[in-house]
Amino acid sequence: MSFTSDVKQELSLKSVTGGEERAELSALIQMTSSISVSSRGMAIAVTTENAPVSRAIYRMMKGRYTVNIETSVRRRMNLNKNLIYSMKIYGPVTEILKDLCIYSARGLQDRPLQKVVQKDPWARAYLAGAFMADGSVNSPQTSGYHLEIKACNEMHAEFLIDLMARFDIPARSITRRSKHVVYLKASDRISDFLRVCGADRCLLEFENERISRDFMNNMQRLNNVDVANEVKSIHASNKQIADIELLQKYDRLKSLDIKVREAADIRLRNPDATLSELAEIYNRETGSSVTKSGMKHRFVKIHDLAEELRKHHGEE
């Protein structure tokens, strides 16, 4: 089962009542349903590919309203052959839609009335319902973080964005194949969304995987830095040794200050050491004190003299 299915299943099993139930059901009905008219009268036709979501809608509709519900299951006739769970809900359809704040005297609403999310717990429940209806989230084990909800229309997308902003979750929207999609990319924002919706078990799984991934990525970056520094140190050492050997070739090393000659001798005996390590060796062997910067300054003197010799003798 996918991580999206795990989240939807966890949310579908939560027990909600009162205003929270109405808000969650409002999102589910608006985003999964259409109005059907037949000889039996008007009905709410619900379609979803998620069995737990279908059961949650059935449970809440039966608990909240006096309705008759016909259910059916069919297999989608395409390559993935997903199961389609359908319901036809017969009863006081107009009154149900008014209660869910998606129908008013002006007809069906592009976005629910604000009163359905007036309180924060109701807003949280609406977001949970919206995700169950048409949301998806990448597994935390994948390389990219992405959560999205397909809104009914542009106004509904704006409604979802405003709702997330109430909980400091900055969402964005795009249009994809004529659908308005509200999405989150940052892993911490996805964690916030799961927390707001109440998907605590999936949140824990997401956070554990995210922390583990971030830790490994940081370790890899540190390893890359260490390797880069080591390569840089080796390259500098090779240049310093080449300078010293050139001075030895032309018998110019002895003309330098004793402290510079001591630094050159220590470098030749310790070709793999860093400047900091050379300074420690120098301090230990000579009893004198020199810093990493001081050691570097001595090699600069050696390099300047070596460059003069290269120019004078045509050395490469």
C-alpha atoms as a PDB file:
ATOM      1  CA  MET A   1       0.000   0.000   0.000  1.00  0.00           C
ATOM      2  CA  SER A   2       1.271   3.481  -0.884  1.00  0.00           C
ATOM      3  CA  PHE A   3       2.042   6.154   1.673  1.00  0.00           C
ATOM      4  CA  THR A   4      -0.897   8.182   0.314  1.00  0.00           C
ATOM      5  CA  SER A   5      -3.210   5.227   0.993  1.00  0.00           C
ATOM      6  CA  ASP A   6      -1.759   4.877   4.495  1.00  0.00           C
ATOM      7  CA  VAL A   7      -2.524   8.526   5.259  1.00  0.00           C
ATOM      8  CA  LYS A   8      -6.050   8.306   3.849  1.00  0.00           C
ATOM      9  CA  GLN A   9      -6.762   5.131   5.777  1.00  0.00           C
ATOM     10  CA  GLU A  10      -5.552   6.667   9.044  1.00  0.00           C
ATOM     11  CA  LEU A  11      -7.666   9.793   8.487  1.00  0.00           C
ATOM     12  CA  SER A  12     -10.725   7.752   7.495  1.00  0.00           C
ATOM     13  CA  LEU A  13     -10.623   5.822  10.767  1.00  0.00           C
ATOM     14  CA  LYS A  14     -10.672   8.952  12.937  1.00  0.00           C
ATOM     15  CA  SER A  15     -13.925   9.516  14.755  1.00  0.00           C
ATOM     16  CA  VAL A  16     -15.305  13.027  14.181  1.00  0.00           C
ATOM     17  CA  THR A  17     -18.612  14.519  15.271  1.00  0.00           C
ATOM     18  CA  GLY A  18     -20.491  17.804  15.155  1.00  0.00           C
ATOM     19  CA  GLY A  19     -18.818  20.638  13.298  1.00  0.00           C
ATOM     20  CA  GLU A  20     -15.725  18.566  12.519  1.00  0.00           C
ATOM     21  CA  GLU A  21     -17.831  15.848  10.900  1.00  0.00           C
ATOM     22  CA  ARG A  22     -19.741  18.427   8.860  1.00  0.00           C
ATOM     23  CA  ALA A  23     -16.518  20.095   7.662  1.00  0.00           C
ATOM     24  CA  GLU A  24     -14.845  16.820   6.715  1.00  0.00           C
ATOM     25  CA  LEU A  25     -17.960  15.578   4.935  1.00  0.00           C
ATOM     26  CA  SER A  26     -18.326  18.932   3.163  1.00  0.00           C
ATOM     27  CA  ALA A  27     -14.924  18.514   1.537  1.00  0.00           C
ATOM     28  CA  LEU A  28     -15.506  14.851   0.712  1.00  0.00           C
ATOM     29  CA  ILE A  29     -18.906  15.416  -0.896  1.00  0.00           C
ATOM     30  CA  GLN A  30     -17.903  18.499  -2.878  1.00  0.00           C
ATOM     31  CA  MET A  31     -14.741  16.853  -4.231  1.00  0.00           C
ATOM     32  CA  THR A  32     -15.986  13.317  -4.960  1.00  0.00           C
ATOM     33  CA  SER A  33     -19.626  13.832  -5.924  1.00  0.00           C
ATOM     34  CA  SER A  34     -22.055  15.011  -8.549  1.00  0.00           C
ATOM     35  CA  ILE A  35     -25.835  15.434  -8.601  1.00  0.00           C
ATOM     36  CA  SER A  36     -27.773  12.618 -10.255  1.00  0.00           C
ATOM     37  CA  VAL A  37     -31.428  12.895 -11.309  1.00  0.00           C
ATOM     38  CA  SER A  38     -33.534   9.865 -12.192  1.00  0.00           C
ATOM     39  CA  SER A  39     -37.100   8.600 -11.867  1.00  0.00           C
ATOM     40  CA  ARG A  40     -36.332   7.996  -8.202  1.00  0.00           C
ATOM     41  CA  GLY A  41     -35.555  11.643  -7.728  1.00  0.00           C
ATOM     42  CA  MET A  42     -32.360  13.574  -7.026  1.00  0.00           C
ATOM     43  CA  ALA A  43     -29.338  11.792  -5.532  1.00  0.00           C
ATOM     44  CA  ILE A  44     -25.746  12.541  -4.578  1.00  0.00           C
ATOM     45  CA  ALA A  45     -23.496  10.321  -6.700  1.00  0.00           C
ATOM     46  CA  VAL A  46     -20.170   9.638  -4.985  1.00  0.00           C
ATOM     47  CA  THR A  47     -17.171   8.093  -6.745  1.00  0.00           C
ATOM     48  CA  THR A  48     -13.789   7.255  -5.220  1.00  0.00           C
ATOM     49  CA  GLU A  49     -10.957   4.795  -5.788  1.00  0.00           C
ATOM     50  CA  ASN A  50     -10.205   4.469  -2.082  1.00  0.00           C
ATOM     51  CA  ALA A  51     -12.193   1.909  -0.083  1.00  0.00           C
ATOM     52  CA  PRO A  52     -11.531   3.422   3.396  1.00  0.00           C
ATOM     53  CA  VAL A  53     -12.636   6.840   2.113  1.00  0.00           C
ATOM     54  CA  SER A  54     -15.782   5.294   0.664  1.00  0.00           C
ATOM     55  CA  ARG A  55     -16.560   3.647   4.016  1.00  0.00           C
ATOM     56  CA  ALA A  56     -15.946   6.932   5.870  1.00  0.00           C
ATOM     57  CA  ILE A  57     -18.409   8.793   3.631  1.00  0.00           C
ATOM     58  CA  TYR A  58     -20.981   6.027   4.063  1.00  0.00           C
ATOM     59  CA  ARG A  59     -20.580   6.029   7.848  1.00  0.00           C
ATOM     60  CA  MET A  60     -20.868   9.800   8.212  1.00  0.00           C
ATOM     61  CA  MET A  61     -23.808  10.160   5.806  1.00  0.00           C
ATOM     62  CA  LYS A  62     -25.728   7.415   7.609  1.00  0.00           C
ATOM     63  CA  GLY A  63     -24.908   8.848  11.029  1.00  0.00           C
ATOM     64  CA  ARG A  64     -25.734  12.455  10.212  1.00  0.00           C
ATOM     65  CA  TYR A  65     -28.707  12.254   7.817  1.00  0.00           C
ATOM     66  CA  THR A  66     -31.737  10.116   7.087  1.00  0.00           C
ATOM     67  CA  VAL A  67     -30.727   8.689   3.729  1.00  0.00           C
ATOM     68  CA  ASN A  68     -30.832   5.534   1.623  1.00  0.00           C
ATOM     69  CA  ILE A  69     -27.493   4.614   0.068  1.00  0.00           C
ATOM     70  CA  GLU A  70     -26.903   2.268  -2.845  1.00  0.00           C
ATOM     71  CA  THR A  71     -23.322   1.063  -3.186  1.00  0.00           C
ATOM     72  CA  SER A  72     -21.494  -0.579  -6.071  1.00  0.00           C
ATOM     73  CA  VAL A  73     -17.974  -1.563  -7.026  1.00  0.00           C
ATOM     74  CA  ARG A  74     -16.547  -1.829 -10.530  1.00  0.00           C
ATOM     75  CA  ARG A  75     -13.135  -2.153 -12.076  1.00  0.00           C
ATOM     76  CA  ARG A  76     -11.817   0.733 -14.131  1.00  0.00           C
ATOM     77  CA  MET A  77     -11.335  -0.254 -17.759  1.00  0.00           C
ATOM     78  CA  ASN A  78      -7.793   0.987 -18.232  1.00  0.00           C
ATOM     79  CA  LEU A  79      -4.270  -0.313 -17.714  1.00  0.00           C
ATOM     80  CA  ASN A  80      -4.155   0.059 -13.924  1.00  0.00           C
ATOM     81  CA  LYS A  81      -7.637  -1.498 -13.500  1.00  0.00           C
ATOM     82  CA  ASN A  82      -8.262   0.199 -10.153  1.00  0.00           C
ATOM     83  CA  LEU A  83     -11.480  -0.531  -8.316  1.00  0.00           C
ATOM     84  CA  ILE A  84     -14.081   2.260  -8.351  1.00  0.00           C
ATOM     85  CA  TYR A  85     -16.335   2.560  -5.295  1.00  0.00           C
ATOM     86  CA  SER A  86     -19.635   4.292  -6.051  1.00  0.00           C
ATOM     87  CA  MET A  87     -22.596   5.382  -3.946  1.00  0.00           C
ATOM     88  CA  LYS A  88     -25.934   6.926  -4.747  1.00  0.00           C
ATOM     89  CA  ILE A  89     -27.322   8.763  -1.759  1.00  0.00           C
ATOM     90  CA  TYR A  90     -31.093   9.318  -1.799  1.00  0.00           C
ATOM     91  CA  GLY A  91     -32.786  11.627   0.648  1.00  0.00           C
ATOM     92  CA  PRO A  92     -33.230  15.367   1.256  1.00  0.00           C
ATOM     93  CA  VAL A  93     -30.332  16.206  -1.077  1.00  0.00           C
ATOM     94  CA  THR A  94     -30.828  19.979  -1.082  1.00  0.00           C
ATOM     95  CA  GLU A  95     -31.002  20.124   2.708  1.00  0.00           C
ATOM     96  CA  ILE A  96     -27.887  17.945   3.011  1.00  0.00           C
ATOM     97  CA  LEU A  97     -25.928  20.193   0.655  1.00  0.00           C
ATOM     98  CA  LYS A  98     -27.125  23.284   2.552  1.00  0.00           C
ATOM     99  CA  ASP A  99     -26.006  21.733   5.835  1.00  0.00           C
ATOM    100  CA  LEU A 100     -22.612  20.994   4.289  1.00  0.00           C
ATOM    101  CA  CYS A 101     -22.384  24.668   3.181  1.00  0.00           C
ATOM    102  CA  ILE A 102     -21.920  23.831  -0.499  1.00  0.00           C
ATOM    103  CA  TYR A 103     -25.435  24.933  -1.556  1.00  0.00           C
ATOM    104  CA  SER A 104     -27.243  28.204  -0.919  1.00  0.00           C
ATOM    105  CA  ALA A 105     -30.058  30.266  -2.379  1.00  0.00           C
ATOM    106  CA  ARG A 106     -27.704  31.073  -5.270  1.00  0.00           C
ATOM    107  CA  GLY A 107     -27.177  27.392  -6.039  1.00  0.00           C
ATOM    108  CA  LEU A 108     -24.115  25.143  -5.750  1.00  0.00           C
ATOM    109  CA  GLN A 109     -21.053  26.937  -4.404  1.00  0.00           C
ATOM    110  CA  ASP A 110     -17.634  26.965  -6.072  1.00  0.00           C
ATOM    111  CA  ARG A 111     -16.221  26.980  -2.557  1.00  0.00           C
ATOM    112  CA  PRO A 112     -17.917  26.143   0.739  1.00  0.00           C
ATOM    113  CA  LEU A 113     -19.353  28.875   2.901  1.00  0.00           C
ATOM    114  CA  GLN A 114     -16.870  30.218   5.423  1.00  0.00           C
ATOM    115  CA  LYS A 115     -18.979  29.137   8.395  1.00  0.00           C
ATOM    116  CA  VAL A 116     -18.113  25.467   7.759  1.00  0.00           C
ATOM    117  CA  VAL A 117     -14.493  26.181   8.778  1.00  0.00           C
ATOM    118  CA  GLN A 118     -15.204  28.929  11.303  1.00  0.00           C
ATOM    119  CA  LYS A 119     -13.370  27.125  14.121  1.00  0.00           C
ATOM    120  CA  ASP A 120      -9.850  25.727  13.857  1.00  0.00           C
ATOM    121  CA  PRO A 121     -10.884  22.096  14.582  1.00  0.00           C
ATOM    122  CA  TRP A 122     -13.417  22.395  11.760  1.00  0.00           C
ATOM    123  CA  ALA A 123     -10.742  23.791   9.433  1.00  0.00           C
ATOM    124  CA  ARG A 124      -8.428  20.893  10.298  1.00  0.00           C
ATOM    125  CA  ALA A 125     -11.227  18.424   9.561  1.00  0.00           C
ATOM    126  CA  TYR A 126     -11.954  20.110   6.211  1.00  0.00           C
ATOM    127  CA  LEU A 127      -8.309  19.787   5.160  1.00  0.00           C
ATOM    128  CA  ALA A 128      -8.338  16.126   6.197  1.00  0.00           C
ATOM    129  CA  GLY A 129     -11.469  15.572   4.103  1.00  0.00           C
ATOM    130  CA  ALA A 130      -9.958  17.385   1.112  1.00  0.00           C
ATOM    131  CA  PHE A 131      -6.851  15.202   1.254  1.00  0.00           C
ATOM    132  CA  MET A 132      -8.932  12.026   1.549  1.00  0.00           C
ATOM    133  CA  ALA A 133     -11.048  13.132  -1.419  1.00  0.00           C
ATOM    134  CA  ASP A 134      -8.310  13.924  -3.938  1.00  0.00           C
ATOM    135  CA  GLY A 135      -4.923  14.295  -2.284  1.00  0.00           C
ATOM    136  CA  SER A 136      -1.613  12.514  -2.652  1.00  0.00           C
ATOM    137  CA  VAL A 137       1.787  12.619  -0.974  1.00  0.00           C
ATOM    138  CA  ASN A 138       5.089  11.076  -2.008  1.00  0.00           C
ATOM    139  CA  SER A 139       6.535   8.344   0.153  1.00  0.00           C
ATOM    140  CA  PRO A 140       9.187   9.758   2.503  1.00  0.00           C
ATOM    141  CA  GLN A 141      11.512   7.097   1.107  1.00  0.00           C
ATOM    142  CA  THR A 142      11.545   8.766  -2.321  1.00  0.00           C
ATOM    143  CA  SER A 143      14.067  11.438  -3.260  1.00  0.00           C
ATOM    144  CA  GLY A 144      11.558  14.299  -3.589  1.00  0.00           C
ATOM    145  CA  TYR A 145       8.978  15.658  -1.175  1.00  0.00           C
ATOM    146  CA  HIS A 146       5.595  16.528  -2.649  1.00  0.00           C
ATOM    147  CA  LEU A 147       2.024  16.755  -1.366  1.00  0.00           C
ATOM    148  CA  GLU A 148      -0.886  17.938  -3.468  1.00  0.00           C
ATOM    149  CA  ILE A 149      -4.676  18.248  -3.463  1.00  0.00           C
ATOM    150  CA  LYS A 150      -6.666  18.607  -6.689  1.00  0.00           C
ATOM    151  CA  ALA A 151      -9.183  21.373  -6.095  1.00  0.00           C
ATOM    152  CA  CYS A 152     -12.610  21.575  -7.730  1.00  0.00           C
ATOM    153  CA  ASN A 153     -11.894  24.928  -9.357  1.00  0.00           C
ATOM    154  CA  GLU A 154      -9.762  28.065  -8.978  1.00  0.00           C
ATOM    155  CA  MET A 155     -11.880  29.505  -6.156  1.00  0.00           C
ATOM    156  CA  HIS A 156     -11.736  26.226  -4.279  1.00  0.00           C
ATOM    157  CA  ALA A 157      -7.930  26.166  -4.707  1.00  0.00           C
ATOM    158  CA  GLU A 158      -7.744  29.668  -3.189  1.00  0.00           C
ATOM    159  CA  PHE A 159      -9.986  28.479  -0.348  1.00  0.00           C
ATOM    160  CA  LEU A 160      -7.615  25.566   0.422  1.00  0.00           C
ATOM    161  CA  ILE A 161      -4.550  27.835   0.283  1.00  0.00           C
ATOM    162  CA  ASP A 162      -6.175  30.323   2.692  1.00  0.00           C
ATOM    163  CA  LEU A 163      -7.159  27.460   4.988  1.00  0.00           C
ATOM    164  CA  MET A 164      -3.585  26.119   5.125  1.00  0.00           C
ATOM    165  CA  ALA A 165      -2.275  29.633   5.746  1.00  0.00           C
ATOM    166  CA  ARG A 166      -4.307  29.707   8.982  1.00  0.00           C
ATOM    167  CA  PHE A 167      -1.932  27.043  10.260  1.00  0.00           C
ATOM    168  CA  ASP A 168       1.226  28.725   8.853  1.00  0.00           C
ATOM    169  CA  ILE A 169       1.449  26.308   5.927  1.00  0.00           C
ATOM    170  CA  PRO A 170       2.313  28.345   2.800  1.00  0.00           C
ATOM    171  CA  ALA A 171       0.853  26.363  -0.117  1.00  0.00           C
ATOM    172  CA  ARG A 172       0.931  27.215  -3.817  1.00  0.00           C
ATOM    173  CA  SER A 173      -1.234  26.265  -6.757  1.00  0.00           C
ATOM    174  CA  ILE A 174      -0.683  25.366 -10.394  1.00  0.00           C
ATOM    175  CA  THR A 175      -2.942  24.424 -13.282  1.00  0.00           C
ATOM    176  CA  ARG A 176      -2.263  20.937 -14.611  1.00  0.00           C
ATOM    177  CA  ARG A 177      -4.362  19.537 -17.457  1.00  0.00           C
ATOM    178  CA  SER A 178      -7.113  22.062 -16.692  1.00  0.00           C
ATOM    179  CA  LYS A 179      -7.092  21.049 -13.005  1.00  0.00           C
ATOM    180  CA  HIS A 180      -6.216  23.437 -10.198  1.00  0.00           C
ATOM    181  CA  VAL A 181      -3.694  21.724  -7.932  1.00  0.00           C
ATOM    182  CA  VAL A 182      -2.685  22.994  -4.490  1.00  0.00           C
ATOM    183  CA  TYR A 183       0.732  21.684  -3.479  1.00  0.00           C
ATOM    184  CA  LEU A 184       3.507  21.665  -0.880  1.00  0.00           C
ATOM    185  CA  LYS A 185       7.164  20.883  -1.612  1.00  0.00           C
ATOM    186  CA  ALA A 186       9.070  21.493   1.629  1.00  0.00           C
ATOM    187  CA  SER A 187       9.316  18.452   3.873  1.00  0.00           C
ATOM    188  CA  ASP A 188       8.644  20.434   7.060  1.00  0.00           C
ATOM    189  CA  ARG A 189       5.478  21.915   5.514  1.00  0.00           C
ATOM    190  CA  ILE A 190       4.249  18.443   4.600  1.00  0.00           C
ATOM    191  CA  SER A 191       4.904  17.378   8.191  1.00  0.00           C
ATOM    192  CA  ASP A 192       2.877  20.377   9.381  1.00  0.00           C
ATOM    193  CA  PHE A 193       0.007  19.411   7.087  1.00  0.00           C
ATOM    194  CA  LEU A 194      -0.073  15.818   8.346  1.00  0.00           C
ATOM    195  CA  ARG A 195       0.000  17.145  11.922  1.00  0.00           C
ATOM    196  CA  VAL A 196      -2.870  19.572  11.259  1.00  0.00           C
ATOM    197  CA  CYS A 197      -4.976  16.832   9.681  1.00  0.00           C
ATOM    198  CA  GLY A 198      -4.327  14.484  12.589  1.00  0.00           C
ATOM    199  CA  ALA A 199      -2.450  11.738  10.702  1.00  0.00           C
ATOM    200  CA  ASP A 200      -0.198  11.153  13.722  1.00  0.00           C
ATOM    201  CA  ARG A 201       1.019   7.641  12.885  1.00  0.00           C
ATOM    202  CA  CYS A 202       1.909   8.573   9.307  1.00  0.00           C
ATOM    203  CA  LEU A 203       3.489  11.797  10.553  1.00  0.00           C
ATOM    204  CA  LEU A 204       5.794   9.778  12.801  1.00  0.00           C
ATOM    205  CA  GLU A 205       6.762   7.517   9.903  1.00  0.00           C
ATOM    206  CA  PHE A 206       7.352  10.536   7.653  1.00  0.00           C
ATOM    207  CA  GLU A 207       9.465  12.338  10.265  1.00  0.00           C
ATOM    208  CA  ASN A 208      11.563   9.263  11.072  1.00  0.00           C
ATOM    209  CA  GLU A 209      12.367   8.730   7.415  1.00  0.00           C
ATOM    210  CA  ARG A 210      12.961  12.447   6.816  1.00  0.00           C
ATOM    211  CA  ILE A 211      15.354  12.764   9.772  1.00  0.00           C
ATOM    212  CA  SER A 212      17.207   9.630   8.691  1.00  0.00           C
ATOM    213  CA  ARG A 213      17.478  10.889   5.107  1.00  0.00           C
ATOM    214  CA  ASP A 214      18.614  14.365   6.179  1.00  0.00           C
ATOM    215  CA  PHE A 215      21.202  12.826   8.526  1.00  0.00           C
ATOM    216  CA  MET A 216      22.628  10.643   5.746  1.00  0.00           C
ATOM    217  CA  ASN A 217      22.655  13.576   3.324  1.00  0.00           C
ATOM    218  CA  ASN A 218      24.501  15.744   5.852  1.00  0.00           C
ATOM    219  CA  MET A 219      26.991  12.951   6.494  1.00  0.00           C
ATOM    220  CA  GLN A 220      27.584  12.624   2.761  1.00  0.00           C
ATOM    221  CA  ARG A 221      28.130  16.366   2.422  1.00  0.00           C
ATOM    222  CA  LEU A 222      30.611  16.309   5.306  1.00  0.00           C
ATOM    223  CA  ASN A 223      32.412  13.375   3.723  1.00  0.00           C
ATOM    224  CA  ASN A 224      32.577  15.260   0.427  1.00  0.00           C
ATOM    225  CA  VAL A 225      34.023  18.291   2.232  1.00  0.00           C
ATOM    226  CA  ASP A 226      36.599  16.112   3.981  1.00  0.00           C
ATOM    227  CA  VAL A 227      37.633  14.523   0.691  1.00  0.00           C
ATOM    228  CA  ALA A 228      37.847  17.906  -1.006  1.00  0.00           C
ATOM    229  CA  ASN A 229      39.972  19.298   1.826  1.00  0.00           C
ATOM    230  CA  GLU A 230      42.252  16.258   1.702  1.00  0.00           C
ATOM    231  CA  VAL A 231      42.725  16.596  -2.044  1.00  0.00           C
ATOM    232  CA  LYS A 232      43.434  20.302  -1.620  1.00  0.00           C
ATOM    233  CA  SER A 233      45.967  19.545   1.148  1.00  0.00           C
ATOM    234  CA  ILE A 234      47.746  16.932  -0.965  1.00  0.00           C
ATOM    235  CA  HIS A 235      47.903  19.287  -3.937  1.00  0.00           C
ATOM    236  CA  ALA A 236      49.395  22.061  -1.768  1.00  0.00           C
ATOM    237  CA  SER A 237      51.911  19.614  -0.261  1.00  0.00           C
ATOM    238  CA  ASN A 238      53.074  18.457  -3.690  1.00  0.00           C
ATOM    239  CA  LYS A 239      53.622  22.059  -4.792  1.00  0.00           C
ATOM    240  CA  GLN A 240      55.571  22.830  -1.618  1.00  0.00           C
ATOM    241  CA  ILE A 241      57.772  19.750  -2.028  1.00  0.00           C
ATOM    242  CA  ALA A 242      58.410  20.670  -5.677  1.00  0.00           C
ATOM    243  CA  ASP A 243      59.496  24.161  -4.565  1.00  0.00           C
ATOM    244  CA  ILE A 244      61.818  22.759  -1.875  1.00  0.00           C
ATOM    245  CA  GLU A 245      63.411  20.242  -4.258  1.00  0.00           C
ATOM    246  CA  LEU A 246      64.038  23.006  -6.779  1.00  0.00           C
ATOM    247  CA  LEU A 247      65.839  25.077  -4.110  1.00  0.00           C
ATOM    248  CA  GLN A 248      67.910  22.002  -3.200  1.00  0.00           C
ATOM    249  CA  LYS A 249      68.807  21.469  -6.846  1.00  0.00           C
ATOM    250  CA  TYR A 250      70.311  24.939  -7.128  1.00  0.00           C
ATOM    251  CA  ASP A 251      71.719  24.904  -3.586  1.00  0.00           C
ATOM    252  CA  ARG A 252      69.640  27.869  -2.533  1.00  0.00           C
ATOM    253  CA  LEU A 253      67.921  26.379   0.490  1.00  0.00           C
ATOM    254  CA  LYS A 254      70.837  27.165   2.810  1.00  0.00           C
ATOM    255  CA  SER A 255      70.509  30.878   2.032  1.00  0.00           C
ATOM    256  CA  LEU A 256      67.133  30.965   3.744  1.00  0.00           C
ATOM    257  CA  ASP A 257      66.403  31.730   7.384  1.00  0.00           C
ATOM    258  CA  ILE A 258      66.885  28.769   9.745  1.00  0.00           C
ATOM    259  CA  LYS A 259      63.161  28.727  10.602  1.00  0.00           C
ATOM    260  CA  VAL A 260      62.254  28.440   6.911  1.00  0.00           C
ATOM    261  CA  ARG A 261      64.792  25.618   6.430  1.00  0.00           C
ATOM    262  CA  GLU A 262      63.324  23.776   9.420  1.00  0.00           C
ATOM    263  CA  ALA A 263      59.844  24.084   7.921  1.00  0.00           C
ATOM    264  CA  ALA A 264      61.134  22.726   4.589  1.00  0.00           C
ATOM    265  CA  ASP A 265      62.825  19.771   6.305  1.00  0.00           C
ATOM    266  CA  ILE A 266      59.640  18.898   8.232  1.00  0.00           C
ATOM    267  CA  ARG A 267      57.582  19.087   5.026  1.00  0.00           C
ATOM    268  CA  LEU A 268      59.915  16.692   3.199  1.00  0.00           C
ATOM    269  CA  ARG A 269      59.642  14.204   6.065  1.00  0.00           C
ATOM    270  CA  ASN A 270      55.877  14.576   6.337  1.00  0.00           C
ATOM    271  CA  PRO A 271      54.490  14.865   2.797  1.00  0.00           C
ATOM    272  CA  ASP A 272      50.899  13.953   3.791  1.00  0.00           C
ATOM    273  CA  ALA A 273      50.581  16.301   6.766  1.00  0.00           C
ATOM    274  CA  THR A 274      48.340  19.371   6.758  1.00  0.00           C
ATOM    275  CA  LEU A 275      49.653  22.808   7.685  1.00  0.00           C
ATOM    276  CA  SER A 276      48.134  22.448  11.164  1.00  0.00           C
ATOM    277  CA  GLU A 277      49.845  19.084  11.613  1.00  0.00           C
ATOM    278  CA  LEU A 278      53.165  20.520  10.365  1.00  0.00           C
ATOM    279  CA  ALA A 279      52.882  23.334  12.911  1.00  0.00           C
ATOM    280  CA  GLU A 280      52.351  20.789  15.703  1.00  0.00           C
ATOM    281  CA  ILE A 281      55.350  18.750  14.561  1.00  0.00           C
ATOM    282  CA  TYR A 282      57.482  21.897  14.316  1.00  0.00           C
ATOM    283  CA  ASN A 283      56.506  22.990  17.830  1.00  0.00           C
ATOM    284  CA  ARG A 284      57.249  19.542  19.219  1.00  0.00           C
ATOM    285  CA  GLU A 285      60.612  19.058  17.476  1.00  0.00           C
ATOM    286  CA  THR A 286      62.075  22.561  17.767  1.00  0.00           C
ATOM    287  CA  GLY A 287      60.535  23.713  21.036  1.00  0.00           C
ATOM    288  CA  SER A 288      59.545  26.928  19.240  1.00  0.00           C
ATOM    289  CA  SER A 289      55.981  28.075  18.650  1.00  0.00           C
ATOM    290  CA  VAL A 290      54.501  28.560  15.206  1.00  0.00           C
ATOM    291  CA  THR A 291      50.894  28.749  14.054  1.00  0.00           C
ATOM    292  CA  LYS A 292      49.317  27.335  10.912  1.00  0.00           C
ATOM    293  CA  SER A 293      49.422  30.841   9.444  1.00  0.00           C
ATOM    294  CA  GLY A 294      53.112  31.189  10.356  1.00  0.00           C
ATOM    295  CA  MET A 295      53.915  27.872   8.702  1.00  0.00           C
ATOM    296  CA  LYS A 296      52.070  28.947   5.569  1.00  0.00           C
ATOM    297  CA  HIS A 297      54.053  32.208   5.494  1.00  0.00           C
ATOM    298  CA  ARG A 298      57.325  30.249   5.462  1.00  0.00           C
ATOM    299  CA  PHE A 299      56.208  28.168   2.499  1.00  0.00           C
ATOM    300  CA  VAL A 300      55.239  31.382   0.693  1.00  0.00           C
ATOM    301  CA  LYS A 301      58.862  32.535   1.044  1.00  0.00           C
ATOM    302  CA  ILE A 302      60.062  29.210  -0.358  1.00  0.00           C
ATOM    303  CA  HIS A 303      57.614  29.480  -3.249  1.00  0.00           C
ATOM    304  CA  ASP A 304      58.635  33.046  -4.130  1.00  0.00           C
ATOM    305  CA  LEU A 305      62.299  32.045  -4.346  1.00  0.00           C
ATOM    306  CA  ALA A 306      61.405  28.915  -6.336  1.00  0.00           C
ATOM    307  CA  GLU A 307      59.464  31.037  -8.835  1.00  0.00           C
ATOM    308  CA  GLU A 308      62.491  33.295  -9.323  1.00  0.00           C
ATOM    309  CA  LEU A 309      64.636  30.243 -10.059  1.00  0.00           C
ATOM    310  CA  ARG A 310      62.090  28.895 -12.540  1.00  0.00           C
ATOM    311  CA  LYS A 311      62.065  32.171 -14.434  1.00  0.00           C
ATOM    312  CA  HIS A 312      65.848  32.451 -14.381  1.00  0.00           C
ATOM    313  CA  HIS A 313      66.604  28.855 -15.384  1.00  0.00           C
ATOM    314  CA  GLY A 314      63.532  28.226 -17.524  1.00  0.00           C
ATOM    315  CA  GLU A 315      62.261  25.544 -15.147  1.00  0.00           C
ATOM    316  CA  GLU A 316      58.660  24.349 -15.567  1.00  0.00           C
END
